[in-house]
Amino acid sequence: MLHIVKLCVGISSVEELEEWRDLHVSRNSLYGTNHYHRTRMMPRRADEIIGQGALYWVIGGAIRCRQPIVDLVAETNHEGLSCCDIVMAPEIIRTVPQPKRPFQGWRYLKPEDAPREMPKLDGTSEGDESLAEELATLGLI
């Protein structure tokens, strides 16, 4: 199994990503209810990713959530250049914030290096992100 990590450019919070996803899916049914992100390069290790891995989103300088990857589809963009649609399940799963410096494109992420899911700190399904970030910084979660 292998994951992908990518910067979520133009998005400042997980809530904003959820809003964008809901708007995008309602306007474009290219992949049904699944969300997709178009990127320039097709991962060479696609067989290790499809149906097993997830796309981890870097928002505000930290990995903050992930979406399970359903498929990687080779496409051609409006300029006739090859590209890849990363097709993801619509669910956005919050993770313990893990600092990540800016980079271009996407990177592979080994399962052992991926952040864990957000713990249930206050009895809700999402917990308190700022408290979780502080606890993670202190090495307590």
N, C-alpha and C. Protein backbone atom coordinates (compact mmCIF):
# COMPACT_ATOMS: atom_id res chain seq x y z
N MET A 1 0.84 -1.18 0.00
CA MET A 1 0.00 0.00 0.00
C MET A 1 0.89 1.24 0.00
N LEU A 2 0.41 2.28 -0.66
CA LEU A 2 1.13 3.53 -0.77
C LEU A 2 0.12 4.67 -0.85
N HIS A 3 0.45 5.81 -0.27
CA HIS A 3 -0.41 6.98 -0.29
C HIS A 3 0.24 8.09 -1.12
N ILE A 4 -0.52 9.13 -1.36
CA ILE A 4 -0.03 10.34 -2.03
C ILE A 4 -0.30 11.52 -1.10
N VAL A 5 0.64 12.47 -1.06
CA VAL A 5 0.43 13.70 -0.31
C VAL A 5 0.52 14.86 -1.30
N LYS A 6 -0.39 15.83 -1.15
CA LYS A 6 -0.47 16.95 -2.09
C LYS A 6 -0.89 18.21 -1.36
N LEU A 7 -0.36 19.35 -1.79
CA LEU A 7 -0.79 20.63 -1.23
C LEU A 7 -2.20 20.94 -1.71
N CYS A 8 -3.01 21.45 -0.82
CA CYS A 8 -4.39 21.83 -1.15
C CYS A 8 -4.38 23.35 -1.36
N VAL A 9 -3.93 23.76 -2.53
CA VAL A 9 -3.72 25.16 -2.85
C VAL A 9 -5.04 25.92 -2.90
N GLY A 10 -5.07 27.08 -2.25
CA GLY A 10 -6.25 27.93 -2.26
C GLY A 10 -7.29 27.57 -1.22
N ILE A 11 -7.03 26.56 -0.42
CA ILE A 11 -7.95 26.13 0.62
C ILE A 11 -7.28 26.40 1.97
N SER A 12 -8.03 27.00 2.91
CA SER A 12 -7.42 27.39 4.19
C SER A 12 -7.85 26.53 5.37
N SER A 13 -8.83 25.63 5.17
CA SER A 13 -9.28 24.78 6.27
C SER A 13 -9.94 23.53 5.71
N VAL A 14 -10.08 22.53 6.56
CA VAL A 14 -10.76 21.30 6.14
C VAL A 14 -12.22 21.61 5.81
N GLU A 15 -12.84 22.50 6.57
CA GLU A 15 -14.23 22.88 6.30
C GLU A 15 -14.36 23.49 4.90
N GLU A 16 -13.40 24.32 4.51
CA GLU A 16 -13.44 24.93 3.18
C GLU A 16 -13.27 23.86 2.10
N LEU A 17 -12.41 22.87 2.34
CA LEU A 17 -12.26 21.75 1.41
C LEU A 17 -13.56 20.98 1.27
N GLU A 18 -14.25 20.75 2.38
CA GLU A 18 -15.54 20.04 2.35
C GLU A 18 -16.57 20.83 1.54
N GLU A 19 -16.61 22.14 1.72
CA GLU A 19 -17.53 22.99 0.95
C GLU A 19 -17.20 22.93 -0.53
N TRP A 20 -15.91 23.04 -0.87
CA TRP A 20 -15.48 23.01 -2.26
C TRP A 20 -15.84 21.67 -2.88
N ARG A 21 -15.59 20.58 -2.16
CA ARG A 21 -15.91 19.24 -2.64
C ARG A 21 -17.40 19.11 -2.93
N ASP A 22 -18.24 19.58 -2.01
CA ASP A 22 -19.69 19.48 -2.19
C ASP A 22 -20.15 20.27 -3.42
N LEU A 23 -19.60 21.45 -3.62
CA LEU A 23 -19.94 22.27 -4.79
C LEU A 23 -19.45 21.60 -6.07
N HIS A 24 -18.22 21.12 -6.06
CA HIS A 24 -17.61 20.51 -7.24
C HIS A 24 -18.37 19.25 -7.66
N VAL A 25 -18.70 18.38 -6.71
CA VAL A 25 -19.41 17.14 -7.02
C VAL A 25 -20.80 17.44 -7.56
N SER A 26 -21.48 18.44 -6.99
CA SER A 26 -22.83 18.75 -7.45
C SER A 26 -22.83 19.34 -8.87
N ARG A 27 -21.74 19.98 -9.27
CA ARG A 27 -21.66 20.58 -10.61
C ARG A 27 -21.13 19.62 -11.66
N ASN A 28 -20.32 18.64 -11.26
CA ASN A 28 -19.64 17.79 -12.22
C ASN A 28 -19.78 16.33 -11.80
N SER A 29 -20.51 15.55 -12.58
CA SER A 29 -20.72 14.15 -12.25
C SER A 29 -19.81 13.24 -13.07
N LEU A 30 -18.63 13.71 -13.46
CA LEU A 30 -17.69 12.94 -14.26
C LEU A 30 -17.40 11.58 -13.63
N TYR A 31 -17.31 11.54 -12.29
CA TYR A 31 -17.04 10.29 -11.57
C TYR A 31 -18.13 10.01 -10.53
N GLY A 32 -19.36 10.35 -10.86
CA GLY A 32 -20.48 10.11 -9.94
C GLY A 32 -20.35 10.98 -8.71
N THR A 33 -20.51 10.38 -7.55
CA THR A 33 -20.41 11.15 -6.30
C THR A 33 -18.98 11.28 -5.81
N ASN A 34 -18.05 10.66 -6.52
CA ASN A 34 -16.64 10.75 -6.11
C ASN A 34 -16.04 12.10 -6.49
N HIS A 35 -15.12 12.54 -5.68
CA HIS A 35 -14.38 13.77 -5.89
C HIS A 35 -13.13 13.44 -6.71
N TYR A 36 -12.66 14.36 -7.52
CA TYR A 36 -11.40 14.09 -8.21
C TYR A 36 -10.53 15.33 -8.22
N HIS A 37 -9.25 15.08 -8.37
CA HIS A 37 -8.28 16.17 -8.49
C HIS A 37 -7.40 15.85 -9.68
N ARG A 38 -7.28 16.79 -10.59
CA ARG A 38 -6.45 16.58 -11.79
C ARG A 38 -5.03 17.05 -11.51
N THR A 39 -4.09 16.21 -11.85
CA THR A 39 -2.67 16.52 -11.66
C THR A 39 -1.92 16.15 -12.93
N ARG A 40 -0.76 16.70 -13.11
CA ARG A 40 -0.02 16.53 -14.37
C ARG A 40 0.49 15.10 -14.59
N MET A 41 1.07 14.50 -13.56
CA MET A 41 1.75 13.22 -13.74
C MET A 41 0.93 12.04 -13.19
N MET A 42 0.98 10.93 -13.90
CA MET A 42 0.36 9.68 -13.45
C MET A 42 1.37 8.96 -12.54
N PRO A 43 0.97 8.57 -11.34
CA PRO A 43 1.89 7.83 -10.47
C PRO A 43 2.33 6.51 -11.12
N ARG A 44 3.62 6.24 -11.11
CA ARG A 44 4.13 4.99 -11.68
C ARG A 44 3.77 3.80 -10.82
N ARG A 45 3.51 4.04 -9.56
CA ARG A 45 3.20 2.95 -8.63
C ARG A 45 1.69 2.86 -8.36
N ALA A 46 0.92 3.10 -9.41
CA ALA A 46 -0.55 3.16 -9.30
C ALA A 46 -1.13 1.89 -8.70
N ASP A 47 -0.57 0.73 -9.03
CA ASP A 47 -1.12 -0.52 -8.52
C ASP A 47 -1.02 -0.64 -7.01
N GLU A 48 -0.12 0.12 -6.39
CA GLU A 48 0.02 0.12 -4.93
C GLU A 48 -0.91 1.14 -4.27
N ILE A 49 -1.54 1.97 -5.08
CA ILE A 49 -2.35 3.08 -4.56
C ILE A 49 -3.85 2.83 -4.73
N ILE A 50 -4.26 2.44 -5.93
CA ILE A 50 -5.69 2.32 -6.26
C ILE A 50 -6.39 1.34 -5.31
N GLY A 51 -7.44 1.84 -4.67
CA GLY A 51 -8.26 1.03 -3.79
C GLY A 51 -7.64 0.71 -2.44
N GLN A 52 -6.41 1.16 -2.21
CA GLN A 52 -5.72 0.87 -0.95
C GLN A 52 -5.23 2.14 -0.26
N GLY A 53 -4.75 3.07 -1.06
CA GLY A 53 -4.13 4.27 -0.53
C GLY A 53 -5.11 5.43 -0.40
N ALA A 54 -4.57 6.56 0.04
CA ALA A 54 -5.38 7.77 0.21
C ALA A 54 -4.57 8.98 -0.24
N LEU A 55 -5.28 10.04 -0.55
CA LEU A 55 -4.64 11.32 -0.83
C LEU A 55 -4.68 12.11 0.46
N TYR A 56 -3.51 12.45 0.99
CA TYR A 56 -3.39 13.25 2.20
C TYR A 56 -3.21 14.70 1.77
N TRP A 57 -4.09 15.57 2.27
CA TRP A 57 -4.09 16.98 1.90
C TRP A 57 -3.28 17.81 2.90
N VAL A 58 -2.37 18.64 2.37
CA VAL A 58 -1.63 19.61 3.17
C VAL A 58 -2.39 20.92 3.10
N ILE A 59 -2.87 21.37 4.27
CA ILE A 59 -3.63 22.62 4.36
C ILE A 59 -2.99 23.46 5.45
N GLY A 60 -2.61 24.68 5.11
CA GLY A 60 -2.02 25.58 6.11
C GLY A 60 -0.73 25.04 6.72
N GLY A 61 0.11 24.40 5.91
CA GLY A 61 1.41 23.96 6.39
C GLY A 61 1.42 22.65 7.15
N ALA A 62 0.30 21.91 7.14
CA ALA A 62 0.24 20.62 7.83
C ALA A 62 -0.71 19.67 7.08
N ILE A 63 -0.39 18.38 7.13
CA ILE A 63 -1.33 17.39 6.63
C ILE A 63 -2.48 17.37 7.63
N ARG A 64 -3.70 17.61 7.16
CA ARG A 64 -4.85 17.73 8.06
C ARG A 64 -5.98 16.74 7.79
N CYS A 65 -5.96 16.12 6.60
CA CYS A 65 -7.03 15.18 6.29
C CYS A 65 -6.60 14.28 5.14
N ARG A 66 -7.44 13.28 4.90
CA ARG A 66 -7.18 12.37 3.79
C ARG A 66 -8.48 11.96 3.14
N GLN A 67 -8.37 11.50 1.89
CA GLN A 67 -9.50 10.95 1.16
C GLN A 67 -9.04 9.65 0.50
N PRO A 68 -9.77 8.54 0.70
CA PRO A 68 -9.40 7.27 0.07
C PRO A 68 -9.39 7.40 -1.46
N ILE A 69 -8.36 6.84 -2.10
CA ILE A 69 -8.24 6.89 -3.56
C ILE A 69 -8.95 5.68 -4.16
N VAL A 70 -9.92 5.96 -5.02
CA VAL A 70 -10.73 4.95 -5.67
C VAL A 70 -10.09 4.52 -6.99
N ASP A 71 -9.51 5.49 -7.72
CA ASP A 71 -8.95 5.18 -9.03
C ASP A 71 -7.97 6.28 -9.45
N LEU A 72 -7.12 5.95 -10.39
CA LEU A 72 -6.22 6.91 -11.04
C LEU A 72 -6.50 6.77 -12.53
N VAL A 73 -7.00 7.83 -13.15
CA VAL A 73 -7.46 7.77 -14.53
C VAL A 73 -6.59 8.65 -15.42
N ALA A 74 -6.00 8.05 -16.46
CA ALA A 74 -5.22 8.82 -17.44
C ALA A 74 -6.18 9.64 -18.28
N GLU A 75 -5.90 10.93 -18.40
CA GLU A 75 -6.76 11.85 -19.15
C GLU A 75 -5.89 12.76 -20.02
N THR A 76 -6.55 13.58 -20.82
CA THR A 76 -5.89 14.60 -21.62
C THR A 76 -6.55 15.92 -21.29
N ASN A 77 -5.76 16.94 -20.97
CA ASN A 77 -6.36 18.22 -20.59
C ASN A 77 -6.75 19.05 -21.81
N HIS A 78 -7.26 20.25 -21.58
CA HIS A 78 -7.75 21.11 -22.65
C HIS A 78 -6.66 21.55 -23.62
N GLU A 79 -5.38 21.41 -23.23
CA GLU A 79 -4.26 21.76 -24.12
C GLU A 79 -3.72 20.54 -24.86
N GLY A 80 -4.34 19.39 -24.65
CA GLY A 80 -3.90 18.18 -25.31
C GLY A 80 -2.76 17.46 -24.60
N LEU A 81 -2.43 17.88 -23.39
CA LEU A 81 -1.36 17.25 -22.61
C LEU A 81 -1.93 16.14 -21.74
N SER A 82 -1.14 15.10 -21.55
CA SER A 82 -1.59 14.01 -20.70
C SER A 82 -1.58 14.45 -19.25
N CYS A 83 -2.51 13.91 -18.48
CA CYS A 83 -2.62 14.23 -17.06
C CYS A 83 -3.28 13.05 -16.35
N CYS A 84 -3.50 13.19 -15.08
CA CYS A 84 -4.09 12.11 -14.29
C CYS A 84 -5.18 12.67 -13.39
N ASP A 85 -6.33 12.02 -13.39
CA ASP A 85 -7.38 12.36 -12.44
C ASP A 85 -7.26 11.40 -11.26
N ILE A 86 -7.03 11.96 -10.08
CA ILE A 86 -7.01 11.18 -8.85
C ILE A 86 -8.45 11.16 -8.36
N VAL A 87 -9.10 10.01 -8.48
CA VAL A 87 -10.51 9.87 -8.11
C VAL A 87 -10.57 9.39 -6.67
N MET A 88 -11.29 10.16 -5.82
CA MET A 88 -11.33 9.88 -4.39
C MET A 88 -12.75 9.68 -3.91
N ALA A 89 -12.90 8.85 -2.90
CA ALA A 89 -14.19 8.71 -2.22
C ALA A 89 -14.56 10.07 -1.65
N PRO A 90 -15.85 10.38 -1.56
CA PRO A 90 -16.25 11.71 -1.11
C PRO A 90 -15.95 12.00 0.36
N GLU A 91 -15.74 10.97 1.17
CA GLU A 91 -15.50 11.20 2.59
C GLU A 91 -14.13 11.85 2.83
N ILE A 92 -14.12 12.83 3.69
CA ILE A 92 -12.88 13.50 4.10
C ILE A 92 -12.65 13.11 5.56
N ILE A 93 -11.53 12.46 5.80
CA ILE A 93 -11.20 11.94 7.13
C ILE A 93 -10.11 12.82 7.73
N ARG A 94 -10.43 13.46 8.84
CA ARG A 94 -9.45 14.33 9.50
C ARG A 94 -8.33 13.50 10.12
N THR A 95 -7.13 14.06 10.05
CA THR A 95 -5.97 13.41 10.66
C THR A 95 -5.37 14.32 11.71
N VAL A 96 -4.54 13.74 12.55
CA VAL A 96 -3.78 14.55 13.50
C VAL A 96 -2.87 15.43 12.66
N PRO A 97 -2.92 16.75 12.83
CA PRO A 97 -2.09 17.63 12.01
C PRO A 97 -0.61 17.27 12.11
N GLN A 98 0.02 17.14 10.93
CA GLN A 98 1.44 16.81 10.84
C GLN A 98 2.10 17.86 9.96
N PRO A 99 3.03 18.65 10.50
CA PRO A 99 3.67 19.70 9.71
C PRO A 99 4.28 19.16 8.41
N LYS A 100 4.15 19.94 7.34
CA LYS A 100 4.70 19.56 6.05
C LYS A 100 5.09 20.82 5.31
N ARG A 101 6.35 20.88 4.89
CA ARG A 101 6.84 22.04 4.14
C ARG A 101 6.26 22.04 2.72
N PRO A 102 6.20 23.21 2.09
CA PRO A 102 5.68 23.29 0.72
C PRO A 102 6.56 22.51 -0.26
N PHE A 103 5.93 21.99 -1.30
CA PHE A 103 6.61 21.27 -2.37
C PHE A 103 5.74 21.38 -3.62
N GLN A 104 6.30 21.05 -4.77
CA GLN A 104 5.52 21.10 -6.01
C GLN A 104 5.00 19.72 -6.35
N GLY A 105 3.85 19.68 -6.98
CA GLY A 105 3.28 18.41 -7.42
C GLY A 105 2.77 17.58 -6.26
N TRP A 106 3.02 16.29 -6.30
CA TRP A 106 2.62 15.38 -5.24
C TRP A 106 3.82 14.52 -4.87
N ARG A 107 3.72 13.86 -3.75
CA ARG A 107 4.78 12.95 -3.29
C ARG A 107 4.13 11.67 -2.80
N TYR A 108 4.88 10.59 -2.90
CA TYR A 108 4.43 9.34 -2.29
C TYR A 108 4.56 9.47 -0.79
N LEU A 109 3.71 8.76 -0.07
CA LEU A 109 3.73 8.77 1.39
C LEU A 109 3.56 7.33 1.86
N LYS A 110 4.58 6.82 2.55
CA LYS A 110 4.52 5.45 3.07
C LYS A 110 3.52 5.40 4.22
N PRO A 111 2.82 4.28 4.37
CA PRO A 111 1.83 4.16 5.46
C PRO A 111 2.42 4.45 6.84
N GLU A 112 3.63 4.05 7.08
CA GLU A 112 4.24 4.29 8.40
C GLU A 112 4.56 5.76 8.65
N ASP A 113 4.60 6.58 7.58
CA ASP A 113 4.86 8.01 7.73
C ASP A 113 3.59 8.85 7.73
N ALA A 114 2.46 8.23 7.47
CA ALA A 114 1.18 8.95 7.39
C ALA A 114 0.66 9.27 8.79
N PRO A 115 0.05 10.45 8.95
CA PRO A 115 -0.53 10.79 10.25
C PRO A 115 -1.75 9.92 10.56
N ARG A 116 -1.98 9.73 11.83
CA ARG A 116 -3.14 8.95 12.27
C ARG A 116 -4.42 9.77 12.14
N GLU A 117 -5.54 9.06 12.22
CA GLU A 117 -6.82 9.76 12.21
C GLU A 117 -6.96 10.60 13.47
N MET A 118 -7.74 11.66 13.36
CA MET A 118 -7.99 12.55 14.49
C MET A 118 -8.68 11.78 15.60
N PRO A 119 -8.14 11.83 16.81
CA PRO A 119 -8.80 11.12 17.93
C PRO A 119 -10.08 11.85 18.34
N LYS A 120 -10.94 11.13 19.00
CA LYS A 120 -12.19 11.71 19.49
C LYS A 120 -11.91 12.32 20.86
N LEU A 121 -11.58 13.60 20.86
CA LEU A 121 -11.18 14.27 22.09
C LEU A 121 -12.35 14.77 22.92
N ASP A 122 -13.44 15.14 22.27
CA ASP A 122 -14.56 15.72 23.00
C ASP A 122 -15.85 14.93 22.83
N GLY A 123 -15.73 13.68 22.41
CA GLY A 123 -16.91 12.85 22.24
C GLY A 123 -17.56 12.97 20.88
N THR A 124 -17.05 13.85 20.02
CA THR A 124 -17.60 13.97 18.67
C THR A 124 -16.73 13.18 17.72
N SER A 125 -17.15 13.09 16.48
CA SER A 125 -16.40 12.32 15.49
C SER A 125 -15.15 13.05 15.02
N GLU A 126 -15.09 14.36 15.19
CA GLU A 126 -13.96 15.11 14.66
C GLU A 126 -13.00 15.60 15.73
N GLY A 127 -13.43 15.76 16.95
CA GLY A 127 -12.54 16.26 17.98
C GLY A 127 -12.23 17.73 17.80
N ASP A 128 -11.33 18.23 18.60
CA ASP A 128 -10.92 19.63 18.56
C ASP A 128 -9.57 19.71 17.88
N GLU A 129 -9.55 20.23 16.64
CA GLU A 129 -8.33 20.24 15.83
C GLU A 129 -7.19 21.01 16.48
N SER A 130 -7.48 22.17 17.08
CA SER A 130 -6.40 22.95 17.67
C SER A 130 -5.80 22.24 18.88
N LEU A 131 -6.64 21.59 19.68
CA LEU A 131 -6.14 20.83 20.83
C LEU A 131 -5.32 19.63 20.35
N ALA A 132 -5.81 18.94 19.33
CA ALA A 132 -5.08 17.78 18.78
C ALA A 132 -3.74 18.21 18.21
N GLU A 133 -3.71 19.38 17.54
CA GLU A 133 -2.45 19.87 16.97
C GLU A 133 -1.45 20.17 18.08
N GLU A 134 -1.90 20.79 19.16
CA GLU A 134 -1.01 21.08 20.27
C GLU A 134 -0.52 19.80 20.94
N LEU A 135 -1.41 18.82 21.16
CA LEU A 135 -1.01 17.55 21.75
C LEU A 135 -0.02 16.81 20.85
N ALA A 136 -0.23 16.87 19.52
CA ALA A 136 0.70 16.22 18.58
C ALA A 136 2.06 16.91 18.62
N THR A 137 2.08 18.22 18.73
CA THR A 137 3.34 18.95 18.82
C THR A 137 4.12 18.54 20.06
N LEU A 138 3.41 18.25 21.13
CA LEU A 138 4.04 17.83 22.38
C LEU A 138 4.36 16.34 22.39
N GLY A 139 3.95 15.63 21.33
CA GLY A 139 4.22 14.20 21.25
C GLY A 139 3.30 13.36 22.10
N LEU A 140 2.13 13.89 22.45
CA LEU A 140 1.21 13.18 23.34
C LEU A 140 0.16 12.36 22.60
N ILE A 141 -0.01 12.60 21.30
CA ILE A 141 -0.90 11.75 20.48
C ILE A 141 -0.21 11.42 19.18
